[in-house]
Every structure is written in structure tokens, then in C-alpha cells.
């Protein structure tokens, strides 16, 4: 039995979710459910904005600090300075 690698499995899962969402939307539209009316209701808008504010708070207070450390200290500091730049210098020496 041949196993799929992770990328193939994830892509297939994503496509399945999109197809499932489209099917659900068609069923709701066929049964007379007005999605536009639901989305424009004040309760849904309020819930959306509260969720958006919460996600912004989580990003700005918790996630961004770790992401900036990862980018500045690890990717730029270690990978770029210690690995990529020496390789670029070696390549430049070949063409001199």
C-alpha cells in the first residue's frame, strides 16, 4: 500500500472541506435559507467584531513577540548570518 506524503494529504483535505462547504451552501440556498440576511444581522456582526478584536488582542499580546523573536534572532540571526551569507560569499568567489 502506497502512503501519501503530508502535503498531498493536507491538500486533499483542504479541497474536501471546500467541496463540503459549497454543498452545504447549495443545500441551504435550495431550502430557502437566506445567508445574506444572516450575515447582515446585527447579532452576527457584533459577534464577528468581538471575535476579530479578540484575535487581534491574542496576536498583539502573545503571538507577535514569539514571531518577531523567531524571525529576528533565529532566521535572520542564525540562518541568514551563519549559513546563507557564507554560501553567497563562496559563490561570489567562484565567479571572480
N, C-alpha and C. Protein backbone atom coordinates (compact mmCIF):
# COMPACT_ATOMS: atom_id res chain seq x y z
N UNK A 1 0.84 -1.18 0.00
CA UNK A 1 0.00 0.00 0.00
C UNK A 1 0.89 1.24 0.00
N UNK A 2 0.60 2.16 -0.92
CA UNK A 2 1.39 3.38 -1.06
C UNK A 2 0.82 4.46 -0.13
N UNK A 3 1.72 5.09 0.64
CA UNK A 3 1.30 6.15 1.55
C UNK A 3 1.46 7.50 0.88
N UNK A 4 0.53 8.40 1.15
CA UNK A 4 0.63 9.76 0.66
C UNK A 4 1.54 10.55 1.59
N UNK A 5 2.28 11.48 1.02
CA UNK A 5 3.07 12.32 1.90
C UNK A 5 2.17 13.38 2.53
N UNK A 6 2.71 14.12 3.46
CA UNK A 6 1.91 15.06 4.24
C UNK A 6 1.25 16.13 3.38
N UNK A 7 2.01 16.69 2.40
CA UNK A 7 1.47 17.78 1.57
C UNK A 7 0.30 17.28 0.73
N UNK A 8 0.40 16.09 0.16
CA UNK A 8 -0.69 15.56 -0.63
C UNK A 8 -1.92 15.32 0.23
N UNK A 9 -1.72 14.81 1.41
CA UNK A 9 -2.84 14.54 2.31
C UNK A 9 -3.51 15.83 2.76
N UNK A 10 -2.75 16.85 3.07
CA UNK A 10 -3.31 18.13 3.52
C UNK A 10 -4.07 18.81 2.38
N UNK A 11 -3.54 18.76 1.17
CA UNK A 11 -4.18 19.40 0.05
C UNK A 11 -5.52 18.72 -0.23
N UNK A 12 -5.55 17.41 -0.18
CA UNK A 12 -6.79 16.68 -0.39
C UNK A 12 -7.81 17.01 0.68
N UNK A 13 -7.38 17.18 1.91
CA UNK A 13 -8.28 17.54 2.99
C UNK A 13 -8.85 18.92 2.81
N UNK A 14 -8.04 19.85 2.33
CA UNK A 14 -8.49 21.22 2.11
C UNK A 14 -9.53 21.26 1.00
N UNK A 15 -9.28 20.54 -0.07
CA UNK A 15 -10.23 20.50 -1.19
C UNK A 15 -11.54 19.87 -0.74
N UNK A 16 -11.46 18.83 0.07
CA UNK A 16 -12.69 18.21 0.58
C UNK A 16 -13.51 19.19 1.40
N UNK A 17 -12.84 20.01 2.22
CA UNK A 17 -13.57 21.00 3.03
C UNK A 17 -14.24 22.04 2.15
N UNK A 18 -13.56 22.47 1.10
CA UNK A 18 -14.16 23.45 0.18
C UNK A 18 -15.38 22.86 -0.50
N UNK A 19 -15.26 21.62 -1.00
CA UNK A 19 -16.39 20.96 -1.66
C UNK A 19 -17.55 20.80 -0.69
N UNK A 20 -17.25 20.39 0.54
CA UNK A 20 -18.29 20.22 1.56
C UNK A 20 -18.98 21.55 1.86
N UNK A 21 -18.21 22.63 1.96
CA UNK A 21 -18.79 23.95 2.21
C UNK A 21 -19.71 24.38 1.07
N UNK A 22 -19.28 24.15 -0.16
CA UNK A 22 -20.12 24.50 -1.32
C UNK A 22 -21.41 23.69 -1.32
N UNK A 23 -21.31 22.41 -1.01
CA UNK A 23 -22.51 21.57 -0.96
C UNK A 23 -23.47 22.06 0.12
N UNK A 24 -22.93 22.40 1.28
CA UNK A 24 -23.78 22.90 2.38
C UNK A 24 -24.45 24.20 1.97
N UNK A 25 -23.71 25.10 1.30
CA UNK A 25 -24.31 26.36 0.85
C UNK A 25 -25.41 26.14 -0.17
N UNK A 26 -25.22 25.18 -1.09
CA UNK A 26 -26.27 24.85 -2.06
C UNK A 26 -27.51 24.30 -1.36
N UNK A 27 -27.31 23.43 -0.39
CA UNK A 27 -28.46 22.86 0.34
C UNK A 27 -29.21 23.95 1.09
N UNK A 28 -28.47 24.84 1.74
CA UNK A 28 -29.13 25.93 2.46
C UNK A 28 -29.88 26.86 1.51
N UNK A 29 -29.28 27.17 0.37
CA UNK A 29 -29.94 28.04 -0.60
C UNK A 29 -31.18 27.35 -1.18
N UNK A 30 -31.10 26.07 -1.44
CA UNK A 30 -32.24 25.34 -2.00
C UNK A 30 -33.40 25.26 -1.01
N UNK A 31 -33.08 25.18 0.28
CA UNK A 31 -34.12 25.07 1.29
C UNK A 31 -34.70 26.44 1.67
N UNK A 32 -34.23 27.52 1.04
CA UNK A 32 -34.81 28.84 1.28
C UNK A 32 -34.11 29.64 2.36
N UNK A 33 -32.99 29.18 2.83
CA UNK A 33 -32.26 29.88 3.87
C UNK A 33 -31.49 31.04 3.23
N UNK A 34 -31.67 32.25 3.76
CA UNK A 34 -31.02 33.43 3.19
C UNK A 34 -29.74 33.72 3.97
N UNK A 35 -28.62 33.34 3.38
CA UNK A 35 -27.32 33.53 4.02
C UNK A 35 -26.96 35.01 4.12
N UNK A 36 -27.33 35.79 3.13
CA UNK A 36 -27.04 37.23 3.15
C UNK A 36 -27.73 37.91 4.32
N UNK A 37 -28.97 37.52 4.58
CA UNK A 37 -29.72 38.09 5.70
C UNK A 37 -29.08 37.72 7.03
N UNK A 38 -28.61 36.48 7.13
CA UNK A 38 -27.96 36.04 8.36
C UNK A 38 -26.68 36.83 8.62
N UNK A 39 -25.87 36.99 7.59
CA UNK A 39 -24.59 37.68 7.74
C UNK A 39 -24.79 39.16 8.06
N UNK A 40 -25.86 39.75 7.55
CA UNK A 40 -26.07 41.18 7.79
C UNK A 40 -26.82 41.47 9.08
N UNK A 41 -27.17 40.45 9.84
CA UNK A 41 -27.89 40.69 11.09
C UNK A 41 -26.96 41.33 12.14
N UNK A 42 -27.50 42.19 12.99
CA UNK A 42 -26.67 42.88 13.98
C UNK A 42 -25.98 41.93 14.97
N UNK A 43 -26.63 40.85 15.33
CA UNK A 43 -26.01 39.91 16.28
C UNK A 43 -24.78 39.24 15.68
N UNK A 44 -24.88 38.84 14.43
CA UNK A 44 -23.74 38.19 13.77
C UNK A 44 -22.61 39.19 13.59
N UNK A 45 -22.93 40.42 13.18
CA UNK A 45 -21.90 41.44 13.02
C UNK A 45 -21.19 41.71 14.34
N UNK A 46 -21.97 41.80 15.41
CA UNK A 46 -21.39 42.05 16.73
C UNK A 46 -20.48 40.89 17.15
N UNK A 47 -20.95 39.67 16.94
CA UNK A 47 -20.13 38.50 17.29
C UNK A 47 -18.86 38.46 16.46
N UNK A 48 -18.97 38.80 15.18
CA UNK A 48 -17.79 38.82 14.32
C UNK A 48 -16.77 39.83 14.82
N UNK A 49 -17.22 41.06 15.14
CA UNK A 49 -16.28 42.09 15.58
C UNK A 49 -15.68 41.77 16.94
N UNK A 50 -16.45 41.15 17.83
CA UNK A 50 -15.87 40.74 19.12
C UNK A 50 -14.81 39.66 18.90
N UNK A 51 -15.09 38.73 18.01
CA UNK A 51 -14.10 37.69 17.70
C UNK A 51 -12.87 38.30 17.06
N UNK A 52 -13.05 39.24 16.13
CA UNK A 52 -11.93 39.90 15.47
C UNK A 52 -11.08 40.66 16.48
N UNK A 53 -11.72 41.38 17.41
CA UNK A 53 -10.97 42.11 18.44
C UNK A 53 -10.19 41.15 19.33
N UNK A 54 -10.80 40.02 19.67
CA UNK A 54 -10.12 39.01 20.50
C UNK A 54 -8.89 38.46 19.76
N UNK A 55 -9.03 38.15 18.48
CA UNK A 55 -7.90 37.63 17.71
C UNK A 55 -6.78 38.66 17.59
N UNK A 56 -7.14 39.93 17.42
CA UNK A 56 -6.12 40.98 17.37
C UNK A 56 -5.40 41.09 18.70
N UNK A 57 -6.14 40.97 19.80
CA UNK A 57 -5.53 41.02 21.13
C UNK A 57 -4.56 39.86 21.33
N UNK A 58 -4.97 38.66 20.96
CA UNK A 58 -4.10 37.50 21.10
C UNK A 58 -2.85 37.68 20.24
N UNK A 59 -3.02 38.16 19.01
CA UNK A 59 -1.87 38.37 18.13
C UNK A 59 -0.91 39.39 18.72
N UNK A 60 -1.44 40.56 19.12
CA UNK A 60 -0.57 41.64 19.56
C UNK A 60 0.07 41.38 20.92
N UNK A 61 -0.60 40.66 21.80
CA UNK A 61 -0.06 40.46 23.15
C UNK A 61 0.75 39.18 23.30
N UNK A 62 0.52 38.18 22.48
CA UNK A 62 1.17 36.89 22.71
C UNK A 62 1.94 36.37 21.50
N UNK A 63 1.33 36.32 20.36
CA UNK A 63 1.94 35.63 19.23
C UNK A 63 3.01 36.47 18.56
N UNK A 64 2.81 37.78 18.43
CA UNK A 64 3.75 38.62 17.70
C UNK A 64 5.13 38.63 18.35
N UNK A 65 5.21 38.57 19.67
CA UNK A 65 6.51 38.57 20.34
C UNK A 65 7.31 37.33 19.96
N UNK A 66 6.67 36.18 19.98
CA UNK A 66 7.36 34.96 19.58
C UNK A 66 7.72 34.96 18.12
N UNK A 67 6.84 35.47 17.27
CA UNK A 67 7.10 35.51 15.83
C UNK A 67 8.27 36.45 15.53
N UNK A 68 8.31 37.60 16.19
CA UNK A 68 9.42 38.53 15.97
C UNK A 68 10.74 37.96 16.46
N UNK A 69 10.71 37.29 17.61
CA UNK A 69 11.94 36.66 18.10
C UNK A 69 12.41 35.60 17.11
N UNK A 70 11.48 34.77 16.65
CA UNK A 70 11.82 33.72 15.69
C UNK A 70 12.43 34.31 14.43
N UNK A 71 11.83 35.37 13.91
CA UNK A 71 12.33 35.98 12.68
C UNK A 71 13.68 36.67 12.91
N UNK A 72 13.76 37.55 13.91
CA UNK A 72 14.97 38.35 14.11
C UNK A 72 16.15 37.54 14.63
N UNK A 73 15.93 36.74 15.65
CA UNK A 73 17.05 36.05 16.29
C UNK A 73 17.40 34.73 15.62
N UNK A 74 16.41 34.00 15.17
CA UNK A 74 16.70 32.68 14.62
C UNK A 74 16.92 32.74 13.11
N UNK A 75 15.92 33.20 12.38
CA UNK A 75 16.03 33.16 10.92
C UNK A 75 17.09 34.13 10.42
N UNK A 76 17.00 35.39 10.82
CA UNK A 76 17.98 36.37 10.35
C UNK A 76 19.30 36.18 11.07
N UNK A 77 19.25 36.02 12.37
CA UNK A 77 20.48 35.95 13.16
C UNK A 77 21.30 34.70 12.92
N UNK A 78 20.66 33.55 12.92
CA UNK A 78 21.41 32.29 12.81
C UNK A 78 21.45 31.81 11.36
N UNK A 79 20.29 31.60 10.79
CA UNK A 79 20.27 31.01 9.45
C UNK A 79 20.89 31.93 8.41
N UNK A 80 20.49 33.19 8.41
CA UNK A 80 20.98 34.09 7.37
C UNK A 80 22.45 34.44 7.58
N UNK A 81 22.79 34.89 8.78
CA UNK A 81 24.16 35.34 9.04
C UNK A 81 25.17 34.19 9.01
N UNK A 82 24.81 33.04 9.58
CA UNK A 82 25.78 31.96 9.73
C UNK A 82 25.74 30.93 8.61
N UNK A 83 24.67 30.86 7.85
CA UNK A 83 24.58 29.83 6.82
C UNK A 83 24.48 30.44 5.42
N UNK A 84 23.53 31.32 5.20
CA UNK A 84 23.28 31.83 3.85
C UNK A 84 24.39 32.76 3.38
N UNK A 85 24.78 33.73 4.19
CA UNK A 85 25.81 34.68 3.75
C UNK A 85 27.15 34.01 3.44
N UNK A 86 27.63 33.05 4.25
CA UNK A 86 28.87 32.37 3.85
C UNK A 86 28.74 31.60 2.53
N UNK A 87 27.58 31.03 2.27
CA UNK A 87 27.37 30.33 0.99
C UNK A 87 27.40 31.33 -0.16
N UNK A 88 26.77 32.48 0.02
CA UNK A 88 26.78 33.52 -1.03
C UNK A 88 28.20 34.00 -1.27
N UNK A 89 28.99 34.17 -0.20
CA UNK A 89 30.38 34.59 -0.36
C UNK A 89 31.18 33.55 -1.14
N UNK A 90 30.98 32.27 -0.87
CA UNK A 90 31.67 31.21 -1.62
C UNK A 90 31.30 31.25 -3.10
N UNK A 91 30.03 31.45 -3.38
CA UNK A 91 29.57 31.51 -4.77
C UNK A 91 30.19 32.72 -5.47
N UNK A 92 30.26 33.85 -4.78
CA UNK A 92 30.89 35.03 -5.36
C UNK A 92 32.37 34.79 -5.67
N UNK A 93 33.05 34.03 -4.81
CA UNK A 93 34.47 33.72 -5.03
C UNK A 93 34.67 32.86 -6.27
N UNK A 94 33.72 32.01 -6.58
CA UNK A 94 33.83 31.15 -7.76
C UNK A 94 33.84 31.97 -9.04
N UNK A 95 33.12 33.09 -9.04
CA UNK A 95 32.97 33.87 -10.26
C UNK A 95 33.92 35.05 -10.34
N UNK A 96 34.90 35.11 -9.50
CA UNK A 96 35.89 36.20 -9.55
C UNK A 96 36.99 35.89 -10.51
